[in-house]
Structures are given as structure tokens and as C-alpha cells.
Amino acid sequence: MLRTLDIVLIVVMTAAATVTYTIKHQAENKREEVRRLDAAIKLEEDTIDLLRADWALLTQPNRLERLVAAFAVDLQLAPTPSTQLARPEELPMLKADLPQPEDDKAAEDGVAAVIKTDDIATGSVAR
């Protein structure tokens, strides 16, 4: 009986050691994955910081003024007149917001009626 108990305890101890090793190995793999992801996140954050700095450099007003002066002849740039600026309420409706034509009128004409969306003069387009 003592030998049977010894064999059972050895098997239980071996199984426990195997389970412990497996859990430890999985934890180390997860730790390595977390470290890899942290490194990737750090790289992305550094890239974002670099791109923000580059954007700040490229959009400096002094630099843009020099570029406008250098390429004024080629591009023929001109300031936007205030009559070309529109408020949101002056913009025409989206196609999705247009009312649908009645089916009986479209059937009579054979052609869908053209719907006029607005009468607002913005100054940007000659009417």
C-alpha cells in the first residue's frame, strides 16, 4: 500500500510541476507579447509626434508666405474675396434631403421634375 501511495504522490507531483511550468511559460509568452506591443505603441507615438512637428514646420506662416511669393507667377494665387465665403445656411441641400417627386406627376410627364433647391445668392457664382 505504501508503494501505491508513493507512486500516486509522484504522479500528482509530476502533474503539478507540468501544470506550473506550462502556466509559467504562457505567462512569459504573454509578457513578451505585451513588451512587443508596448514597443509598437511607443514607435507609433514617436511617429505621431514627429509628424506633428513636421506639420507645424510646414504650416508656418513665414514659410507659406515665402512659397506664395516664389510661386506667385506660376500659380497666379489671389486672396479670396469676402463675397465668395458662404455661411452654412446658404449652402444648398444635400441630395438625400431633397423631397421626392410625386409618382403621378412623373408618370404623366415621363420625366422627373427638376427641383430647385434654393434662391440664395452667395456671390461666388454668377446667376
N, C-alpha and C. Protein backbone atom coordinates (compact mmCIF):
# COMPACT_ATOMS: atom_id res chain seq x y z
N MET A 1 0.82 -1.19 0.00
CA MET A 1 0.00 0.00 0.00
C MET A 1 0.86 1.25 0.00
N LEU A 2 1.96 1.19 0.71
CA LEU A 2 2.85 2.34 0.78
C LEU A 2 3.45 2.64 -0.60
N ARG A 3 3.74 1.65 -1.34
CA ARG A 3 4.30 1.87 -2.68
C ARG A 3 3.26 2.47 -3.61
N THR A 4 2.04 2.06 -3.52
CA THR A 4 0.98 2.62 -4.35
C THR A 4 0.78 4.09 -4.02
N LEU A 5 0.76 4.44 -2.74
CA LEU A 5 0.61 5.84 -2.32
C LEU A 5 1.80 6.66 -2.82
N ASP A 6 3.01 6.10 -2.75
CA ASP A 6 4.19 6.80 -3.24
C ASP A 6 4.08 7.06 -4.74
N ILE A 7 3.65 6.09 -5.48
CA ILE A 7 3.52 6.24 -6.94
C ILE A 7 2.46 7.29 -7.26
N VAL A 8 1.35 7.27 -6.56
CA VAL A 8 0.28 8.26 -6.79
C VAL A 8 0.79 9.65 -6.47
N LEU A 9 1.51 9.81 -5.36
CA LEU A 9 2.04 11.13 -5.00
C LEU A 9 3.07 11.61 -6.02
N ILE A 10 3.90 10.72 -6.51
CA ILE A 10 4.88 11.10 -7.53
C ILE A 10 4.18 11.55 -8.81
N VAL A 11 3.13 10.83 -9.21
CA VAL A 11 2.36 11.22 -10.40
C VAL A 11 1.69 12.57 -10.18
N VAL A 12 1.10 12.80 -9.00
CA VAL A 12 0.44 14.07 -8.70
C VAL A 12 1.48 15.20 -8.70
N MET A 13 2.64 14.96 -8.10
CA MET A 13 3.69 15.97 -8.05
C MET A 13 4.22 16.28 -9.46
N THR A 14 4.38 15.28 -10.29
CA THR A 14 4.83 15.50 -11.66
C THR A 14 3.78 16.29 -12.46
N ALA A 15 2.51 15.95 -12.27
CA ALA A 15 1.43 16.68 -12.96
C ALA A 15 1.39 18.13 -12.50
N ALA A 16 1.55 18.37 -11.20
CA ALA A 16 1.55 19.73 -10.68
C ALA A 16 2.74 20.52 -11.24
N ALA A 17 3.90 19.88 -11.31
CA ALA A 17 5.08 20.56 -11.86
C ALA A 17 4.87 20.88 -13.34
N THR A 18 4.26 19.97 -14.07
CA THR A 18 4.00 20.19 -15.50
C THR A 18 3.02 21.35 -15.69
N VAL A 19 1.96 21.37 -14.90
CA VAL A 19 0.96 22.46 -15.00
C VAL A 19 1.62 23.78 -14.62
N THR A 20 2.43 23.79 -13.56
CA THR A 20 3.11 25.02 -13.14
C THR A 20 4.05 25.51 -14.23
N TYR A 21 4.82 24.64 -14.84
CA TYR A 21 5.72 25.02 -15.92
C TYR A 21 4.94 25.57 -17.12
N THR A 22 3.84 24.92 -17.46
CA THR A 22 3.02 25.37 -18.60
C THR A 22 2.46 26.78 -18.35
N ILE A 23 1.96 27.01 -17.13
CA ILE A 23 1.41 28.33 -16.79
C ILE A 23 2.52 29.38 -16.82
N LYS A 24 3.70 29.04 -16.28
CA LYS A 24 4.82 29.97 -16.28
C LYS A 24 5.24 30.30 -17.71
N HIS A 25 5.29 29.29 -18.56
CA HIS A 25 5.69 29.50 -19.95
C HIS A 25 4.67 30.40 -20.68
N GLN A 26 3.38 30.18 -20.45
CA GLN A 26 2.35 31.02 -21.06
C GLN A 26 2.45 32.46 -20.56
N ALA A 27 2.72 32.63 -19.26
CA ALA A 27 2.87 33.97 -18.71
C ALA A 27 4.06 34.70 -19.31
N GLU A 28 5.17 33.98 -19.52
CA GLU A 28 6.34 34.59 -20.16
C GLU A 28 6.04 34.98 -21.60
N ASN A 29 5.30 34.14 -22.30
CA ASN A 29 4.91 34.47 -23.68
C ASN A 29 4.04 35.72 -23.72
N LYS A 30 3.08 35.80 -22.78
CA LYS A 30 2.21 36.98 -22.72
C LYS A 30 3.01 38.22 -22.36
N ARG A 31 3.96 38.10 -21.44
CA ARG A 31 4.81 39.24 -21.07
C ARG A 31 5.61 39.71 -22.27
N GLU A 32 6.13 38.80 -23.05
CA GLU A 32 6.89 39.16 -24.24
C GLU A 32 5.99 39.85 -25.27
N GLU A 33 4.77 39.36 -25.40
CA GLU A 33 3.81 39.98 -26.32
C GLU A 33 3.47 41.40 -25.86
N VAL A 34 3.29 41.58 -24.55
CA VAL A 34 3.00 42.91 -24.02
C VAL A 34 4.18 43.85 -24.26
N ARG A 35 5.39 43.37 -24.07
CA ARG A 35 6.57 44.19 -24.34
C ARG A 35 6.65 44.58 -25.82
N ARG A 36 6.33 43.64 -26.68
CA ARG A 36 6.35 43.91 -28.12
C ARG A 36 5.29 44.96 -28.49
N LEU A 37 4.10 44.82 -27.90
CA LEU A 37 3.04 45.79 -28.16
C LEU A 37 3.38 47.17 -27.59
N ASP A 38 4.00 47.19 -26.42
CA ASP A 38 4.43 48.47 -25.85
C ASP A 38 5.46 49.15 -26.75
N ALA A 39 6.37 48.37 -27.29
CA ALA A 39 7.36 48.94 -28.20
C ALA A 39 6.70 49.47 -29.47
N ALA A 40 5.71 48.74 -29.98
CA ALA A 40 4.99 49.20 -31.19
C ALA A 40 4.20 50.48 -30.90
N ILE A 41 3.58 50.54 -29.73
CA ILE A 41 2.83 51.74 -29.34
C ILE A 41 3.78 52.92 -29.20
N LYS A 42 4.92 52.71 -28.58
CA LYS A 42 5.91 53.78 -28.41
C LYS A 42 6.39 54.27 -29.77
N LEU A 43 6.62 53.34 -30.69
CA LEU A 43 7.05 53.73 -32.04
C LEU A 43 5.97 54.57 -32.72
N GLU A 44 4.71 54.16 -32.60
CA GLU A 44 3.61 54.92 -33.21
C GLU A 44 3.48 56.30 -32.58
N GLU A 45 3.63 56.39 -31.25
CA GLU A 45 3.55 57.69 -30.58
C GLU A 45 4.70 58.59 -31.03
N ASP A 46 5.90 58.03 -31.16
CA ASP A 46 7.03 58.82 -31.65
C ASP A 46 6.80 59.28 -33.09
N THR A 47 6.21 58.41 -33.91
CA THR A 47 5.91 58.77 -35.29
C THR A 47 4.88 59.90 -35.34
N ILE A 48 3.86 59.81 -34.50
CA ILE A 48 2.84 60.86 -34.45
C ILE A 48 3.46 62.18 -34.01
N ASP A 49 4.32 62.14 -32.99
CA ASP A 49 4.99 63.37 -32.55
C ASP A 49 5.85 63.96 -33.66
N LEU A 50 6.55 63.10 -34.38
CA LEU A 50 7.39 63.57 -35.49
C LEU A 50 6.53 64.19 -36.59
N LEU A 51 5.41 63.56 -36.91
CA LEU A 51 4.53 64.10 -37.96
C LEU A 51 3.90 65.43 -37.52
N ARG A 52 3.56 65.54 -36.24
CA ARG A 52 3.02 66.81 -35.75
C ARG A 52 4.06 67.92 -35.85
N ALA A 53 5.29 67.59 -35.49
CA ALA A 53 6.36 68.59 -35.59
C ALA A 53 6.59 68.97 -37.05
N ASP A 54 6.56 67.99 -37.94
CA ASP A 54 6.73 68.25 -39.36
C ASP A 54 5.59 69.12 -39.89
N TRP A 55 4.37 68.83 -39.47
CA TRP A 55 3.22 69.63 -39.89
C TRP A 55 3.35 71.06 -39.39
N ALA A 56 3.78 71.23 -38.14
CA ALA A 56 3.97 72.58 -37.60
C ALA A 56 5.03 73.33 -38.39
N LEU A 57 6.09 72.65 -38.79
CA LEU A 57 7.13 73.28 -39.58
C LEU A 57 6.62 73.66 -40.97
N LEU A 58 5.86 72.76 -41.60
CA LEU A 58 5.39 73.01 -42.96
C LEU A 58 4.31 74.09 -43.03
N THR A 59 3.57 74.30 -41.96
CA THR A 59 2.47 75.27 -41.98
C THR A 59 2.82 76.58 -41.30
N GLN A 60 4.09 76.86 -41.11
CA GLN A 60 4.48 78.14 -40.54
C GLN A 60 4.11 79.26 -41.52
N PRO A 61 3.49 80.32 -41.02
CA PRO A 61 3.07 81.40 -41.92
C PRO A 61 4.23 82.02 -42.71
N ASN A 62 5.39 82.17 -42.07
CA ASN A 62 6.54 82.75 -42.80
C ASN A 62 6.93 81.88 -43.98
N ARG A 63 6.96 80.58 -43.79
CA ARG A 63 7.32 79.65 -44.86
C ARG A 63 6.29 79.71 -45.99
N LEU A 64 5.01 79.73 -45.61
CA LEU A 64 3.96 79.78 -46.62
C LEU A 64 4.00 81.09 -47.41
N GLU A 65 4.30 82.19 -46.73
CA GLU A 65 4.42 83.47 -47.44
C GLU A 65 5.56 83.44 -48.44
N ARG A 66 6.71 82.84 -48.05
CA ARG A 66 7.83 82.72 -48.98
C ARG A 66 7.46 81.87 -50.19
N LEU A 67 6.73 80.77 -49.95
CA LEU A 67 6.32 79.91 -51.06
C LEU A 67 5.35 80.63 -51.98
N VAL A 68 4.42 81.38 -51.39
CA VAL A 68 3.47 82.13 -52.22
C VAL A 68 4.21 83.15 -53.07
N ALA A 69 5.18 83.83 -52.47
CA ALA A 69 5.94 84.82 -53.22
C ALA A 69 6.77 84.16 -54.32
N ALA A 70 7.34 83.00 -54.03
CA ALA A 70 8.19 82.33 -55.01
C ALA A 70 7.39 81.78 -56.19
N PHE A 71 6.19 81.31 -55.93
CA PHE A 71 5.40 80.68 -56.99
C PHE A 71 4.18 81.50 -57.40
N ALA A 72 4.17 82.78 -57.09
CA ALA A 72 3.01 83.63 -57.41
C ALA A 72 2.77 83.69 -58.91
N VAL A 73 3.83 83.77 -59.68
CA VAL A 73 3.69 83.88 -61.13
C VAL A 73 3.13 82.58 -61.71
N ASP A 74 3.65 81.44 -61.25
CA ASP A 74 3.21 80.15 -61.78
C ASP A 74 1.79 79.80 -61.35
N LEU A 75 1.49 80.02 -60.10
CA LEU A 75 0.19 79.61 -59.57
C LEU A 75 -0.90 80.65 -59.74
N GLN A 76 -0.53 81.89 -59.90
CA GLN A 76 -1.46 83.00 -60.03
C GLN A 76 -2.46 83.00 -58.88
N LEU A 77 -1.93 82.93 -57.67
CA LEU A 77 -2.77 82.93 -56.48
C LEU A 77 -3.30 84.32 -56.20
N ALA A 78 -4.51 84.39 -55.66
CA ALA A 78 -5.11 85.66 -55.28
C ALA A 78 -5.89 85.45 -53.99
N PRO A 79 -5.99 86.48 -53.16
CA PRO A 79 -6.78 86.33 -51.93
C PRO A 79 -8.25 86.06 -52.26
N THR A 80 -8.89 85.33 -51.40
CA THR A 80 -10.30 85.00 -51.60
C THR A 80 -11.15 86.21 -51.21
N PRO A 81 -11.97 86.72 -52.13
CA PRO A 81 -12.84 87.85 -51.78
C PRO A 81 -13.89 87.41 -50.75
N SER A 82 -14.31 88.36 -49.94
CA SER A 82 -15.29 88.03 -48.90
C SER A 82 -16.63 87.63 -49.49
N THR A 83 -16.88 87.97 -50.75
CA THR A 83 -18.16 87.59 -51.37
C THR A 83 -18.19 86.10 -51.71
N GLN A 84 -17.04 85.43 -51.69
CA GLN A 84 -17.01 84.01 -52.00
C GLN A 84 -17.19 83.13 -50.77
N LEU A 85 -17.26 83.73 -49.63
CA LEU A 85 -17.45 82.97 -48.40
C LEU A 85 -18.94 82.82 -48.14
N ALA A 86 -19.36 81.63 -47.77
CA ALA A 86 -20.78 81.36 -47.54
C ALA A 86 -20.97 80.82 -46.12
N ARG A 87 -22.09 81.16 -45.55
CA ARG A 87 -22.46 80.59 -44.25
C ARG A 87 -23.12 79.24 -44.49
N PRO A 88 -23.12 78.36 -43.50
CA PRO A 88 -23.71 77.02 -43.71
C PRO A 88 -25.18 77.07 -44.13
N GLU A 89 -25.92 78.03 -43.64
CA GLU A 89 -27.34 78.08 -44.03
C GLU A 89 -27.53 78.51 -45.48
N GLU A 90 -26.50 79.06 -46.11
CA GLU A 90 -26.59 79.45 -47.50
C GLU A 90 -26.29 78.31 -48.48
N LEU A 91 -25.76 77.22 -47.97
CA LEU A 91 -25.41 76.10 -48.84
C LEU A 91 -26.66 75.36 -49.29
N PRO A 92 -26.65 74.78 -50.48
CA PRO A 92 -27.81 74.03 -50.94
C PRO A 92 -27.98 72.74 -50.15
N MET A 93 -29.18 72.17 -50.27
CA MET A 93 -29.48 70.92 -49.57
C MET A 93 -28.66 69.77 -50.12
N LEU A 94 -28.50 68.76 -49.29
CA LEU A 94 -27.93 67.51 -49.76
C LEU A 94 -28.94 66.78 -50.63
N LYS A 95 -28.50 65.94 -51.53
CA LYS A 95 -29.43 65.19 -52.37
C LYS A 95 -30.34 64.31 -51.53
N ALA A 96 -29.82 63.80 -50.43
CA ALA A 96 -30.62 62.93 -49.57
C ALA A 96 -31.76 63.70 -48.91
N ASP A 97 -31.59 65.04 -48.73
CA ASP A 97 -32.61 65.85 -48.07
C ASP A 97 -33.65 66.39 -49.05
N LEU A 98 -33.45 66.20 -50.36
CA LEU A 98 -34.40 66.72 -51.34
C LEU A 98 -35.73 65.96 -51.25
N PRO A 99 -36.84 66.68 -51.41
CA PRO A 99 -38.12 65.97 -51.41
C PRO A 99 -38.26 65.11 -52.66
N GLN A 100 -38.87 63.98 -52.53
CA GLN A 100 -39.06 63.07 -53.66
C GLN A 100 -40.21 63.57 -54.54
N PRO A 101 -40.08 63.49 -55.87
CA PRO A 101 -41.17 63.92 -56.75
C PRO A 101 -42.34 62.95 -56.63
N GLU A 102 -43.52 63.50 -56.84
CA GLU A 102 -44.72 62.66 -56.77
C GLU A 102 -44.73 61.70 -57.96
N ASP A 103 -45.17 60.48 -57.72
CA ASP A 103 -45.15 59.46 -58.75
C ASP A 103 -46.11 59.76 -59.90
N ASP A 104 -47.28 60.33 -59.58
CA ASP A 104 -48.26 60.57 -60.65
C ASP A 104 -47.78 61.67 -61.61
N LYS A 105 -47.09 62.69 -61.09
CA LYS A 105 -46.58 63.74 -61.99
C LYS A 105 -45.46 63.19 -62.87
N ALA A 106 -44.60 62.38 -62.29
CA ALA A 106 -43.51 61.80 -63.06
C ALA A 106 -44.06 60.86 -64.11
N ALA A 107 -45.13 60.15 -63.81
CA ALA A 107 -45.72 59.22 -64.77
C ALA A 107 -46.38 59.99 -65.92
N GLU A 108 -47.02 61.14 -65.61
CA GLU A 108 -47.66 61.92 -66.65
C GLU A 108 -46.63 62.53 -67.61
N ASP A 109 -45.58 63.11 -67.03
CA ASP A 109 -44.58 63.78 -67.86
C ASP A 109 -43.63 62.77 -68.51
N GLY A 110 -43.42 61.67 -67.84
CA GLY A 110 -42.44 60.72 -68.33
C GLY A 110 -41.02 61.09 -67.93
N VAL A 111 -40.87 62.26 -67.35
CA VAL A 111 -39.56 62.74 -66.91
C VAL A 111 -39.74 63.30 -65.51
N ALA A 112 -38.81 63.00 -64.65
CA ALA A 112 -38.89 63.51 -63.28
C ALA A 112 -38.70 65.02 -63.30
N ALA A 113 -39.45 65.70 -62.46
CA ALA A 113 -39.37 67.16 -62.39
C ALA A 113 -38.06 67.58 -61.73
N VAL A 114 -37.51 68.68 -62.22
CA VAL A 114 -36.29 69.22 -61.64
C VAL A 114 -36.69 70.08 -60.46
N ILE A 115 -36.06 69.84 -59.32
CA ILE A 115 -36.42 70.56 -58.11
C ILE A 115 -35.37 71.63 -57.86
N LYS A 116 -35.83 72.86 -57.69
CA LYS A 116 -34.92 73.96 -57.40
C LYS A 116 -34.68 73.96 -55.89
N THR A 117 -33.42 73.97 -55.48
CA THR A 117 -33.12 73.81 -54.06
C THR A 117 -33.06 75.12 -53.30
N ASP A 118 -32.62 76.21 -53.93
CA ASP A 118 -32.54 77.47 -53.20
C ASP A 118 -32.51 78.65 -54.15
N ASP A 119 -32.72 79.83 -53.57
CA ASP A 119 -32.62 81.08 -54.32
C ASP A 119 -31.59 82.00 -53.67
N ILE A 120 -30.65 81.45 -52.96
CA ILE A 120 -29.69 82.25 -52.21
C ILE A 120 -28.53 82.63 -53.12
N ALA A 121 -28.23 83.92 -53.17
CA ALA A 121 -27.10 84.39 -53.96
C ALA A 121 -25.91 84.55 -53.03
N THR A 122 -24.86 83.77 -53.24
CA THR A 122 -23.69 83.85 -52.37
C THR A 122 -22.62 84.77 -52.92
N GLY A 123 -22.67 85.10 -54.17
CA GLY A 123 -21.66 85.96 -54.75
C GLY A 123 -20.51 85.17 -55.35
N SER A 124 -20.45 83.87 -55.06
CA SER A 124 -19.35 83.08 -55.59
C SER A 124 -19.63 82.58 -56.99
N VAL A 125 -20.91 82.51 -57.37
CA VAL A 125 -21.28 82.02 -58.68
C VAL A 125 -22.23 83.03 -59.31
N ALA A 126 -21.96 83.41 -60.55
CA ALA A 126 -22.85 84.34 -61.24
C ALA A 126 -24.16 83.64 -61.56
N ARG A 127 -25.27 84.29 -61.24
CA ARG A 127 -26.59 83.70 -61.50
C ARG A 127 -27.37 84.55 -62.44
